[in-house]
């Protein structure tokens, strides 16, 4: 009876804690929204005509991103400001293309929204000019029903997306949220990666842009690592480059115990959906053990590549002669930088909008 009472008290405590946190979160969001409404009501009356005649600017605390919108219809710009400011964005709006270009040259925006049909400089010209001045900006074309084909054509000039008007507040807010997620992912991917030598367990909690080299382990050119055990056996698994290139693994196929392999021969496979990747043996030897946990949970090889996610163990047959073919320590760090640059270049050449290589190309170039 006492144990049941303790369990019920614990459950009640957890439930109350969750409710309190949820209420606090909602109150905090409500307070932030009220502050943005106050800023919006004041800021749209501020005079910013020294930068552009039709400029209206609204800035909030801790903005998610900075947006510039250009449209010859004031009512559309009003909608942009009211919707996006309440969502936590800084918003500048102008009514002509030349004004927008002047601002792009003076300010660091994340997104530019441009109407397609405008007198003087139209949306196509705005897209071309903005991408010429700031190739890093994401340009979105705002279009009506009759100009969707033209809006699609602007993507050839660098526009990343188009949005059709009229739109509801919920539609525009959700659209911009997704744009922001995509941009943040792309910017993170373009950052110079950090490569460092770590203890096996550290790789589990390292940031996504950080590459971890296993301390005390050798790494083969096919991105399998090999660590010599105290008893002389060699533990083998996928390295951090391989797990980041794959992203996920749905199955690991390991060879039977007792089978012998030569260095460089196919040793095991990793499956991602319908894609199958083959990894070569970093050393020659006989299979003496497999990680049985991978049969029930193959994702461990991605979650913990150098610790719980090891694949198998070999009894080496010619270790002294084969170790010079492998890398360890600082040479792995330098090689990783080269491999990461090569991977990014290959992805860019394959498709500017892709985030990974096709399976055959990834296998051919890296594994």
Protein backbone atom coordinates (compact mmCIF):
# COMPACT_ATOMS: atom_id res chain seq x y z
CA UNK A 1 0.00 0.00 0.00
CA UNK A 2 2.84 2.36 0.90
CA UNK A 3 4.60 1.63 -2.40
CA UNK A 4 1.40 2.38 -4.35
CA UNK A 5 1.00 5.65 -2.46
CA UNK A 6 4.57 6.64 -3.29
CA UNK A 7 4.02 5.87 -6.98
CA UNK A 8 0.78 7.90 -7.04
CA UNK A 9 2.51 10.83 -5.33
CA UNK A 10 5.34 10.68 -7.85
CA UNK A 11 2.91 10.61 -10.79
CA UNK A 12 0.99 13.53 -9.30
CA UNK A 13 4.21 15.49 -8.81
CA UNK A 14 5.26 14.90 -12.44
CA UNK A 15 1.79 15.91 -13.70
CA UNK A 16 1.75 19.09 -11.61
CA UNK A 17 5.28 19.98 -12.70
CA UNK A 18 4.29 19.54 -16.36
CA UNK A 19 1.16 21.68 -15.93
CA UNK A 20 3.10 24.44 -14.17
CA UNK A 21 5.77 24.45 -16.88
CA UNK A 22 3.16 24.51 -19.64
CA UNK A 23 1.21 27.36 -18.04
CA UNK A 24 4.44 29.30 -17.55
CA UNK A 25 5.41 28.74 -21.18
CA UNK A 26 2.04 29.95 -22.43
CA UNK A 27 2.12 33.01 -20.18
CA UNK A 28 5.63 33.79 -21.39
CA UNK A 29 4.56 33.47 -25.04
CA UNK A 30 1.50 35.65 -24.38
CA UNK A 31 3.68 38.29 -22.72
CA UNK A 32 6.16 38.25 -25.63
CA UNK A 33 3.32 38.58 -28.13
CA UNK A 34 1.87 41.54 -26.21
CA UNK A 35 5.27 43.23 -26.26
CA UNK A 36 5.53 42.68 -30.01
CA UNK A 37 2.06 44.15 -30.50
CA UNK A 38 3.12 47.23 -28.56
CA UNK A 39 6.30 47.55 -30.63
CA UNK A 40 4.30 47.08 -33.82
CA UNK A 41 1.79 49.79 -32.94
CA UNK A 42 4.56 52.28 -32.18
CA UNK A 43 7.18 51.37 -34.76
CA UNK A 44 5.02 51.62 -37.86
CA UNK A 45 4.56 55.31 -37.08
CA UNK A 46 8.32 55.98 -36.94
CA UNK A 47 9.89 58.06 -39.72
CA UNK A 48 12.53 56.06 -41.59
CA UNK A 49 12.33 57.96 -44.86
CA UNK A 50 16.00 58.96 -44.65
CA UNK A 51 16.88 55.46 -45.89
CA UNK A 52 13.99 54.95 -48.31
CA UNK A 53 10.96 57.12 -48.96
CA UNK A 54 8.38 54.40 -48.33
CA UNK A 55 10.33 52.47 -45.68
CA UNK A 56 8.48 51.25 -42.60
CA UNK A 57 10.52 49.34 -40.04
CA UNK A 58 9.54 47.23 -37.04
CA UNK A 59 12.20 45.73 -34.77
CA UNK A 60 11.59 43.36 -31.87
CA UNK A 61 13.81 42.03 -29.10
CA UNK A 62 15.74 38.83 -29.94
CA UNK A 63 14.41 38.52 -33.52
CA UNK A 64 14.35 35.13 -35.22
CA UNK A 65 15.51 36.72 -38.49
CA UNK A 66 15.44 40.01 -40.42
CA UNK A 67 13.06 40.28 -43.37
CA UNK A 68 12.71 42.87 -46.15
CA UNK A 69 9.43 42.90 -48.11
CA UNK A 70 8.80 44.93 -51.28
CA UNK A 71 5.34 45.32 -52.82
CA UNK A 72 3.57 48.23 -54.51
CA UNK A 73 0.40 47.47 -52.51
CA UNK A 74 0.49 49.05 -49.05
CA UNK A 75 -2.19 46.68 -47.74
CA UNK A 76 0.01 43.66 -48.54
CA UNK A 77 2.96 45.23 -46.73
CA UNK A 78 0.75 45.95 -43.73
CA UNK A 79 -0.13 42.27 -43.62
CA UNK A 80 3.53 41.27 -43.78
CA UNK A 81 4.43 43.51 -40.88
CA UNK A 82 1.56 42.53 -38.62
CA UNK A 83 1.87 38.80 -39.25
CA UNK A 84 5.65 38.43 -39.14
CA UNK A 85 6.39 40.87 -36.33
CA UNK A 86 4.00 38.98 -34.07
CA UNK A 87 5.89 35.82 -35.01
CA UNK A 88 9.12 37.38 -33.74
CA UNK A 89 10.78 38.74 -36.91
CA UNK A 90 12.27 42.15 -37.64
CA UNK A 91 10.50 43.49 -40.73
CA UNK A 92 11.33 46.30 -43.17
CA UNK A 93 8.87 47.09 -45.97
CA UNK A 94 9.21 49.30 -49.04
CA UNK A 95 7.04 49.89 -52.10
CA UNK A 96 9.62 49.84 -54.92
CA UNK A 97 12.42 47.61 -56.18
CA UNK A 98 15.13 50.33 -56.22
CA UNK A 99 14.40 51.15 -52.58
CA UNK A 100 14.74 47.47 -51.69
CA UNK A 101 18.10 47.19 -53.44
CA UNK A 102 19.39 50.24 -51.58
CA UNK A 103 18.48 48.64 -48.27
CA UNK A 104 20.01 45.30 -49.24
CA UNK A 105 23.33 47.05 -49.76
CA UNK A 106 23.20 48.67 -46.30
CA UNK A 107 21.64 46.01 -44.07
CA UNK A 108 22.09 42.31 -43.28
CA UNK A 109 18.76 40.68 -44.11
CA UNK A 110 18.06 36.97 -44.03
CA UNK A 111 15.06 37.01 -46.39
CA UNK A 112 13.74 39.29 -49.12
CA UNK A 113 10.09 38.95 -50.17
CA UNK A 114 9.30 40.61 -53.50
CA UNK A 115 6.04 41.00 -55.35
CA UNK A 116 6.22 39.77 -58.93
CA UNK A 117 4.10 42.40 -60.67
CA UNK A 118 5.26 45.93 -59.83
CA UNK A 119 5.59 49.09 -61.92
CA UNK A 120 9.11 50.12 -62.88
CA UNK A 121 11.31 47.32 -61.55
CA UNK A 122 9.36 44.06 -61.38
CA UNK A 123 9.99 41.04 -59.18
CA UNK A 124 12.16 39.21 -61.70
CA UNK A 125 14.57 42.15 -61.83
CA UNK A 126 14.56 42.40 -58.05
CA UNK A 127 15.47 38.71 -57.74
CA UNK A 128 18.35 39.05 -60.21
CA UNK A 129 19.70 42.20 -58.56
CA UNK A 130 19.44 40.92 -54.98
CA UNK A 131 21.19 37.64 -55.81
CA UNK A 132 23.89 39.62 -57.62
CA UNK A 133 24.44 41.90 -54.62
CA UNK A 134 23.96 39.27 -51.91
CA UNK A 135 24.06 35.67 -53.15
CA UNK A 136 23.62 34.47 -49.56
CA UNK A 137 20.13 36.00 -49.15
CA UNK A 138 17.01 33.87 -49.56
CA UNK A 139 14.64 35.60 -51.99
CA UNK A 140 10.95 34.68 -52.03
CA UNK A 141 8.59 35.75 -54.82
CA UNK A 142 5.04 36.78 -53.90
CA UNK A 143 2.68 36.00 -56.75
CA UNK A 144 -0.98 36.02 -57.72
CA UNK A 145 -2.82 33.12 -59.33
CA UNK A 146 -2.17 34.26 -62.91
CA UNK A 147 1.61 34.60 -62.53
CA UNK A 148 2.62 31.29 -60.93
CA UNK A 149 4.50 30.13 -64.04
CA UNK A 150 6.56 33.32 -64.06
CA UNK A 151 7.22 32.92 -60.34
CA UNK A 152 8.55 29.42 -60.93
CA UNK A 153 10.84 30.81 -63.64
CA UNK A 154 12.38 33.24 -61.13
CA UNK A 155 13.82 30.25 -59.28
CA UNK A 156 16.21 29.89 -62.22
CA UNK A 157 17.52 33.33 -61.29
CA UNK A 158 18.06 32.44 -57.63
CA UNK A 159 14.67 32.71 -55.91
CA UNK A 160 14.37 29.95 -53.30
CA UNK A 161 10.56 29.78 -53.06
CA UNK A 162 7.35 31.52 -54.04
CA UNK A 163 4.21 32.19 -52.03
CA UNK A 164 0.79 32.81 -53.52
CA UNK A 165 -1.46 35.64 -52.38
CA UNK A 166 -3.90 36.15 -50.87
CA UNK A 167 -2.68 34.23 -47.82
CA UNK A 168 -3.94 33.91 -44.27
CA UNK A 169 -1.88 34.85 -41.25
CA UNK A 170 -1.46 31.18 -40.35
CA UNK A 171 -0.33 30.26 -43.89
CA UNK A 172 2.30 33.00 -44.07
CA UNK A 173 3.57 32.32 -40.54
CA UNK A 174 3.95 28.59 -41.21
CA UNK A 175 5.60 29.28 -44.58
CA UNK A 176 8.23 31.56 -43.00
CA UNK A 177 8.86 29.12 -40.14
CA UNK A 178 9.75 26.42 -42.66
CA UNK A 179 11.94 28.84 -44.61
CA UNK A 180 13.83 29.70 -41.44
CA UNK A 181 14.42 26.04 -40.60
CA UNK A 182 15.81 25.39 -44.09
CA UNK A 183 18.06 28.44 -43.95
CA UNK A 184 19.42 27.59 -40.51
CA UNK A 185 20.18 24.05 -41.63
CA UNK A 186 21.98 25.31 -44.74
CA UNK A 187 23.99 27.93 -42.85
CA UNK A 188 25.03 25.34 -40.28
CA UNK A 189 26.09 22.94 -43.03
CA UNK A 190 28.22 25.65 -44.66
CA UNK A 191 30.12 26.45 -41.48
CA UNK A 192 33.71 25.34 -41.34
CA UNK A 193 33.44 22.04 -39.47
CA UNK A 194 35.25 21.43 -36.22
CA UNK A 195 37.24 18.21 -36.19
CA UNK A 196 38.74 17.02 -32.92
CA UNK A 197 40.08 13.88 -31.32
CA UNK A 198 37.76 12.65 -28.56
CA UNK A 199 37.16 9.79 -26.17
CA UNK A 200 34.71 7.23 -27.65
CA UNK A 201 31.68 8.27 -25.61
CA UNK A 202 32.06 12.01 -26.38
CA UNK A 203 30.91 11.53 -29.98
CA UNK A 204 27.41 10.74 -28.71
CA UNK A 205 26.78 14.29 -27.49
CA UNK A 206 28.88 16.32 -29.94
CA UNK A 207 27.08 19.03 -32.01
CA UNK A 208 26.00 18.06 -35.53
CA UNK A 209 28.57 20.36 -37.17
CA UNK A 210 31.42 18.86 -35.15
CA UNK A 211 33.29 15.79 -36.41
CA UNK A 212 34.86 13.46 -33.86
CA UNK A 213 37.98 11.42 -34.47
CA UNK A 214 38.29 8.39 -32.16
CA UNK A 215 41.22 8.74 -29.80
CA UNK A 216 43.46 5.68 -29.82
CA UNK A 217 41.83 4.13 -32.88
CA UNK A 218 43.02 3.78 -36.46
CA UNK A 219 40.82 4.90 -39.37
CA UNK A 220 40.80 3.33 -42.83
CA UNK A 221 40.24 5.21 -46.08
CA UNK A 222 36.82 3.53 -46.38
CA UNK A 223 35.75 5.19 -43.09
CA UNK A 224 35.80 2.16 -40.82
CA UNK A 225 37.75 2.48 -37.58
CA UNK A 226 39.88 -0.19 -35.89
CA UNK A 227 40.88 -0.19 -32.22
CA UNK A 228 43.36 -2.73 -30.86
CA UNK A 229 42.01 -4.44 -27.72
CA UNK A 230 44.23 -5.42 -24.74
CA UNK A 231 44.07 -9.06 -25.80
CA UNK A 232 45.24 -8.32 -29.34
CA UNK A 233 41.87 -8.48 -31.08
CA UNK A 234 40.68 -5.55 -33.20
CA UNK A 235 37.30 -3.91 -32.61
CA UNK A 236 35.78 -2.32 -35.75
CA UNK A 237 32.97 0.14 -36.50
CA UNK A 238 31.80 3.11 -38.60
CA UNK A 239 33.57 6.43 -38.12
CA UNK A 240 31.91 9.80 -37.50
CA UNK A 241 32.23 10.88 -41.13
CA UNK A 242 30.34 7.78 -42.27
CA UNK A 243 27.54 8.19 -39.72
CA UNK A 244 27.02 11.86 -40.66
CA UNK A 245 27.08 11.03 -44.38
CA UNK A 246 24.49 8.29 -43.88
CA UNK A 247 22.33 10.14 -41.37
CA UNK A 248 20.46 7.02 -40.32
CA UNK A 249 20.83 3.24 -40.46
CA UNK A 250 17.97 0.73 -40.58
CA UNK A 251 20.02 -2.48 -40.58
CA UNK A 252 23.57 -3.78 -40.18
CA UNK A 253 24.54 -7.06 -41.87
CA UNK A 254 27.55 -8.71 -40.22
CA UNK A 255 29.55 -11.73 -41.44
CA UNK A 256 29.45 -15.13 -39.75
CA UNK A 257 31.91 -15.94 -36.99
CA UNK A 258 35.01 -17.71 -38.21
CA UNK A 259 35.06 -16.08 -41.65
CA UNK A 260 38.39 -14.65 -42.71
CA UNK A 261 38.89 -11.36 -44.55
CA UNK A 262 41.80 -9.57 -46.09
CA UNK A 263 42.42 -5.86 -45.63
CA UNK A 264 40.25 -3.90 -48.08
CA UNK A 265 37.72 -6.70 -48.70
CA UNK A 266 33.97 -6.04 -48.09
CA UNK A 267 33.39 -6.79 -44.39
CA UNK A 268 29.88 -5.62 -43.44
CA UNK A 269 27.01 -3.54 -44.82
CA UNK A 270 24.88 -0.72 -43.46
CA UNK A 271 21.37 -0.25 -44.82
CA UNK A 272 19.42 3.02 -44.96
CA UNK A 273 15.93 2.30 -46.23
CA UNK A 274 16.46 0.59 -49.59
CA UNK A 275 20.06 1.82 -49.87
CA UNK A 276 22.88 -0.56 -48.97
CA UNK A 277 26.44 0.59 -48.24
CA UNK A 278 29.42 -1.74 -48.06
CA UNK A 279 32.38 -1.12 -45.75
CA UNK A 280 35.78 -2.70 -46.25
CA UNK A 281 37.80 -4.41 -43.57
CA UNK A 282 40.50 -2.06 -42.21
CA UNK A 283 42.73 -5.06 -41.37
CA UNK A 284 43.02 -8.72 -42.27
CA UNK A 285 41.73 -11.28 -39.81
CA UNK A 286 39.08 -13.76 -38.64
CA UNK A 287 35.68 -12.71 -37.25
CA UNK A 288 35.53 -13.65 -33.57
CA UNK A 289 32.59 -11.56 -32.29
CA UNK A 290 29.70 -9.39 -33.47
CA UNK A 291 27.71 -6.69 -31.69
CA UNK A 292 24.45 -8.54 -31.12
CA UNK A 293 22.74 -5.35 -29.94
CA UNK A 294 22.82 -4.02 -33.51
CA UNK A 295 20.40 -6.73 -34.64
CA UNK A 296 17.61 -5.35 -32.49
CA UNK A 297 18.66 -1.69 -32.60
CA UNK A 298 20.89 -0.87 -35.60
CA UNK A 299 20.52 2.84 -34.85
CA UNK A 300 23.12 2.45 -32.09
CA UNK A 301 25.80 2.56 -34.77
CA UNK A 302 24.71 6.16 -35.48
CA UNK A 303 24.01 7.16 -31.87
CA UNK A 304 27.28 5.84 -30.44
CA UNK A 305 29.74 5.13 -33.29
CA UNK A 306 32.86 4.58 -31.18
CA UNK A 307 31.36 3.01 -28.07
CA UNK A 308 28.09 1.04 -27.97
CA UNK A 309 27.78 1.06 -31.77
CA UNK A 310 30.85 -1.06 -32.58
CA UNK A 311 30.12 -3.64 -35.29
CA UNK A 312 32.46 -6.63 -34.85
CA UNK A 313 35.84 -7.90 -33.65
CA UNK A 314 38.57 -9.57 -35.69
CA UNK A 315 41.55 -11.68 -34.68
CA UNK A 316 44.18 -9.98 -36.88
CA UNK A 317 46.56 -12.03 -38.99
CA UNK A 318 49.04 -9.43 -40.28
CA UNK A 319 48.56 -6.36 -38.10
CA UNK A 320 52.14 -5.07 -38.02
CA UNK A 321 52.38 -4.97 -41.81
CA UNK A 322 48.94 -3.38 -42.32
CA UNK A 323 48.90 -0.59 -39.72
CA UNK A 324 50.96 1.79 -41.93
CA UNK A 325 47.98 1.78 -44.35
CA UNK A 326 45.76 3.33 -41.66
CA UNK A 327 45.63 6.79 -40.06
CA UNK A 328 45.60 7.69 -36.39
CA UNK A 329 45.50 10.97 -34.44
CA UNK A 330 46.34 14.27 -36.14
CA UNK A 331 46.60 12.84 -39.69
CA UNK A 332 42.95 11.76 -39.36
CA UNK A 333 41.92 15.32 -38.40
CA UNK A 334 43.64 16.74 -41.49
CA UNK A 335 42.17 14.02 -43.71
CA UNK A 336 38.67 14.62 -42.32
CA UNK A 337 38.86 18.27 -43.38
CA UNK A 338 39.71 17.16 -46.91
CA UNK A 339 36.95 14.55 -46.93
CA UNK A 340 34.32 17.00 -45.66
CA UNK A 341 35.25 19.56 -48.32
CA UNK A 342 35.17 16.86 -50.98
CA UNK A 343 31.74 15.67 -49.82
CA UNK A 344 30.27 19.19 -49.85
CA UNK A 345 31.68 19.85 -53.31
CA UNK A 346 30.27 16.58 -54.63
CA UNK A 347 26.82 17.38 -53.20
CA UNK A 348 26.88 20.90 -54.70
CA UNK A 349 27.90 19.58 -58.11
CA UNK A 350 25.22 16.89 -57.99
CA UNK A 351 22.41 19.33 -57.13
CA UNK A 352 22.57 22.80 -55.51
CA UNK A 353 19.38 22.03 -53.55
CA UNK A 354 20.36 18.52 -52.38
CA UNK A 355 21.60 17.81 -48.86
CA UNK A 356 23.22 14.43 -49.53
CA UNK A 357 24.62 12.29 -52.35
CA UNK A 358 22.89 9.43 -54.09
CA UNK A 359 23.82 6.05 -52.62
CA UNK A 360 25.93 4.84 -55.56
CA UNK A 361 27.94 8.06 -55.68
CA UNK A 362 28.49 8.12 -51.92
CA UNK A 363 29.70 4.51 -51.97
CA UNK A 364 31.97 5.10 -54.93
CA UNK A 365 33.61 8.29 -53.67
CA UNK A 366 33.97 7.60 -49.95
CA UNK A 367 33.31 4.03 -48.83
